[in-house]
C-alpha atoms as a PDB file:
ATOM      1  CA  MET A   1      30.616 -60.745  -3.855  1.00  0.00           C
ATOM      2  CA  THR A   2      27.014 -59.620  -3.843  1.00  0.00           C
ATOM      3  CA  THR A   3      25.370 -58.508  -0.649  1.00  0.00           C
ATOM      4  CA  TYR A   4      21.744 -58.669   0.368  1.00  0.00           C
ATOM      5  CA  LYS A   5      21.382 -55.050  -0.785  1.00  0.00           C
ATOM      6  CA  ASP A   6      21.986 -56.229  -4.352  1.00  0.00           C
ATOM      7  CA  LEU A   7      19.044 -58.642  -4.215  1.00  0.00           C
ATOM      8  CA  ILE A   8      15.973 -57.301  -6.020  1.00  0.00           C
ATOM      9  CA  VAL A   9      13.726 -59.199  -3.602  1.00  0.00           C
ATOM     10  CA  TRP A  10      15.337 -57.370  -0.662  1.00  0.00           C
ATOM     11  CA  GLN A  11      14.924 -54.003  -2.429  1.00  0.00           C
ATOM     12  CA  LYS A  12      11.264 -54.732  -3.224  1.00  0.00           C
ATOM     13  CA  SER A  13      10.618 -55.867   0.340  1.00  0.00           C
ATOM     14  CA  ILE A  14      12.045 -52.579   1.635  1.00  0.00           C
ATOM     15  CA  ASN A  15       9.572 -50.802  -0.666  1.00  0.00           C
ATOM     16  CA  LEU A  16       6.846 -53.001   0.818  1.00  0.00           C
ATOM     17  CA  VAL A  17       7.805 -51.923   4.349  1.00  0.00           C
ATOM     18  CA  VAL A  18       7.604 -48.269   3.329  1.00  0.00           C
ATOM     19  CA  ALA A  19       4.192 -48.867   1.698  1.00  0.00           C
ATOM     20  CA  ILE A  20       2.923 -50.616   4.848  1.00  0.00           C
ATOM     21  CA  TYR A  21       4.054 -47.682   6.985  1.00  0.00           C
ATOM     22  CA  GLU A  22       2.367 -45.224   4.616  1.00  0.00           C
ATOM     23  CA  LEU A  23      -0.856 -47.241   4.704  1.00  0.00           C
ATOM     24  CA  THR A  24      -0.888 -47.772   8.456  1.00  0.00           C
ATOM     25  CA  ASN A  25      -0.271 -44.069   9.063  1.00  0.00           C
ATOM     26  CA  LYS A  26      -3.867 -43.678   7.844  1.00  0.00           C
ATOM     27  CA  PHE A  27      -5.239 -46.216  10.343  1.00  0.00           C
ATOM     28  CA  PRO A  28      -7.146 -44.961  13.392  1.00  0.00           C
ATOM     29  CA  LYS A  29      -4.889 -44.085  16.312  1.00  0.00           C
ATOM     30  CA  GLU A  30      -6.585 -46.674  18.528  1.00  0.00           C
ATOM     31  CA  GLU A  31      -5.102 -49.362  16.262  1.00  0.00           C
ATOM     32  CA  ILE A  32      -1.476 -48.284  16.833  1.00  0.00           C
ATOM     33  CA  PHE A  33      -0.804 -51.055  19.374  1.00  0.00           C
ATOM     34  CA  ALA A  34      -2.980 -53.606  17.626  1.00  0.00           C
ATOM     35  CA  ILE A  35      -3.152 -54.333  13.889  1.00  0.00           C
ATOM     36  CA  THR A  36      -0.853 -51.425  12.932  1.00  0.00           C
ATOM     37  CA  SER A  37       1.967 -52.797  15.062  1.00  0.00           C
ATOM     38  CA  GLN A  38       1.431 -56.336  13.776  1.00  0.00           C
ATOM     39  CA  LEU A  39       1.451 -55.240  10.131  1.00  0.00           C
ATOM     40  CA  ARG A  40       4.638 -53.253  10.562  1.00  0.00           C
ATOM     41  CA  ARG A  41       6.463 -56.007  12.428  1.00  0.00           C
ATOM     42  CA  ALA A  42       5.547 -58.658   9.848  1.00  0.00           C
ATOM     43  CA  ALA A  43       6.588 -56.379   6.985  1.00  0.00           C
ATOM     44  CA  VAL A  44       9.934 -55.481   8.583  1.00  0.00           C
ATOM     45  CA  SER A  45      10.608 -59.170   9.194  1.00  0.00           C
ATOM     46  CA  ILE A  46      10.715 -59.911   5.465  1.00  0.00           C
ATOM     47  CA  PRO A  47      13.792 -57.867   4.408  1.00  0.00           C
ATOM     48  CA  SER A  48      15.403 -58.474   7.802  1.00  0.00           C
ATOM     49  CA  ASN A  49      15.350 -62.244   7.310  1.00  0.00           C
ATOM     50  CA  ILE A  50      16.524 -61.959   3.713  1.00  0.00           C
ATOM     51  CA  ALA A  51      19.508 -59.899   4.896  1.00  0.00           C
ATOM     52  CA  GLU A  52      20.333 -62.153   7.832  1.00  0.00           C
ATOM     53  CA  GLY A  53      20.151 -65.301   5.738  1.00  0.00           C
ATOM     54  CA  LYS A  54      22.321 -63.870   2.982  1.00  0.00           C
ATOM     55  CA  MET A  55      24.984 -62.755   5.428  1.00  0.00           C
ATOM     56  CA  ARG A  56      25.169 -66.085   7.271  1.00  0.00           C
ATOM     57  CA  GLY A  57      26.726 -67.649   4.194  1.00  0.00           C
ATOM     58  CA  GLY A  58      25.797 -70.885   2.512  1.00  0.00           C
ATOM     59  CA  ASP A  59      22.686 -71.934   0.659  1.00  0.00           C
ATOM     60  CA  ILE A  60      21.197 -73.999   3.488  1.00  0.00           C
ATOM     61  CA  GLU A  61      21.120 -71.092   5.934  1.00  0.00           C
ATOM     62  CA  PHE A  62      20.011 -68.650   3.230  1.00  0.00           C
ATOM     63  CA  ARG A  63      17.162 -70.950   2.211  1.00  0.00           C
ATOM     64  CA  ARG A  64      16.057 -71.313   5.839  1.00  0.00           C
ATOM     65  CA  PHE A  65      15.884 -67.552   6.341  1.00  0.00           C
ATOM     66  CA  LEU A  66      14.148 -67.048   2.994  1.00  0.00           C
ATOM     67  CA  SER A  67      11.527 -69.519   4.214  1.00  0.00           C
ATOM     68  CA  ILE A  68      11.104 -67.473   7.381  1.00  0.00           C
ATOM     69  CA  ALA A  69      10.722 -64.328   5.247  1.00  0.00           C
ATOM     70  CA  PHE A  70       8.137 -66.156   3.116  1.00  0.00           C
ATOM     71  CA  ALA A  71       6.206 -67.137   6.261  1.00  0.00           C
ATOM     72  CA  SER A  72       6.287 -63.507   7.413  1.00  0.00           C
ATOM     73  CA  GLY A  73       4.819 -62.597   4.036  1.00  0.00           C
ATOM     74  CA  ALA A  74       1.946 -65.007   4.643  1.00  0.00           C
ATOM     75  CA  GLU A  75       1.463 -63.465   8.086  1.00  0.00           C
ATOM     76  CA  LEU A  76       1.399 -60.006   6.518  1.00  0.00           C
ATOM     77  CA  GLU A  77      -1.078 -61.148   3.877  1.00  0.00           C
ATOM     78  CA  THR A  78      -3.382 -62.453   6.612  1.00  0.00           C
ATOM     79  CA  GLN A  79      -3.154 -59.203   8.559  1.00  0.00           C
ATOM     80  CA  ILE A  80      -3.904 -57.176   5.425  1.00  0.00           C
ATOM     81  CA  THR A  81      -6.983 -59.329   4.837  1.00  0.00           C
ATOM     82  CA  ILE A  82      -8.131 -58.655   8.407  1.00  0.00           C
ATOM     83  CA  SER A  83      -7.443 -54.929   8.005  1.00  0.00           C
ATOM     84  CA  LYS A  84      -9.553 -54.780   4.861  1.00  0.00           C
ATOM     85  CA  LYS A  85     -12.494 -56.139   6.854  1.00  0.00           C
ATOM     86  CA  LEU A  86     -12.218 -53.620   9.689  1.00  0.00           C
ATOM     87  CA  GLY A  87     -14.820 -50.889   9.459  1.00  0.00           C
ATOM     88  CA  LYS A  88     -12.439 -47.984   9.963  1.00  0.00           C
ATOM     89  CA  THR A  89      -9.881 -49.122   7.380  1.00  0.00           C
ATOM     90  CA  VAL A  90     -12.113 -50.639   4.701  1.00  0.00           C
ATOM     91  CA  ASP A  91     -12.035 -47.525   2.482  1.00  0.00           C
ATOM     92  CA  LEU A  92      -8.234 -47.269   2.302  1.00  0.00           C
ATOM     93  CA  ASP A  93      -6.337 -48.070  -0.907  1.00  0.00           C
ATOM     94  CA  TYR A  94      -4.542 -51.392  -0.460  1.00  0.00           C
ATOM     95  CA  ASN A  95      -3.485 -51.745  -4.113  1.00  0.00           C
ATOM     96  CA  LYS A  96       0.164 -50.794  -3.617  1.00  0.00           C
ATOM     97  CA  VAL A  97       0.775 -53.123  -0.668  1.00  0.00           C
ATOM     98  CA  ASP A  98      -1.149 -55.944  -2.333  1.00  0.00           C
ATOM     99  CA  SER A  99       0.892 -55.614  -5.517  1.00  0.00           C
ATOM    100  CA  LEU A 100       4.251 -55.371  -3.750  1.00  0.00           C
ATOM    101  CA  LEU A 101       3.478 -58.266  -1.422  1.00  0.00           C
ATOM    102  CA  GLU A 102       2.442 -60.480  -4.328  1.00  0.00           C
ATOM    103  CA  GLU A 103       5.642 -59.632  -6.188  1.00  0.00           C
ATOM    104  CA  VAL A 104       7.869 -60.244  -3.149  1.00  0.00           C
ATOM    105  CA  MET A 105       6.158 -63.566  -2.385  1.00  0.00           C
ATOM    106  CA  LYS A 106       6.646 -64.776  -5.962  1.00  0.00           C
ATOM    107  CA  MET A 107      10.301 -63.753  -5.890  1.00  0.00           C
ATOM    108  CA  LEU A 108      10.900 -65.453  -2.548  1.00  0.00           C
ATOM    109  CA  ASN A 109       9.183 -68.618  -3.733  1.00  0.00           C
ATOM    110  CA  LYS A 110      11.313 -68.739  -6.881  1.00  0.00           C
ATOM    111  CA  LEU A 111      14.538 -68.056  -4.992  1.00  0.00           C
ATOM    112  CA  ILE A 112      13.744 -70.747  -2.404  1.00  0.00           C
ATOM    113  CA  SER A 113      13.047 -73.290  -5.141  1.00  0.00           C
ATOM    114  CA  GLN A 114      16.273 -72.363  -6.956  1.00  0.00           C
ATOM    115  CA  LEU A 115      18.286 -73.089  -3.817  1.00  0.00           C
ATOM    116  CA  GLY A 116      16.966 -76.641  -3.797  1.00  0.00           C
ATOM    117  CA  PRO A 117      15.558 -78.788  -1.015  1.00  0.00           C
ATOM    118  CA  SER A 118      16.542 -78.113   2.560  1.00  0.00           C
ATOM    119  CA  ALA A 119      19.053 -80.392   4.230  1.00  0.00           C
END
């Protein structure tokens, strides 16, 4: 039996969380309870939902939690876009998080479609 830890999308999403933490460590301290917190929570939600869905058993539940992870990815993408427009974070390098997020979103989308339509 494979576990969620064997899923490449889960592994990549863990790397995304680490990259988000590394990036947000460079944000101004006054943003710690604002955009920094939101970015981190959305990022952590992605692998968490992948893991929970996988461990619940059955394709219907797994697909539902993958969809939640995908929605968290969209939330994270929106927050990254906002962060890029903030004056104090505009000069930071977003390439790593952008690349990882794009890869994770593509993988989630493919996995969701492979599991078929929801019940």
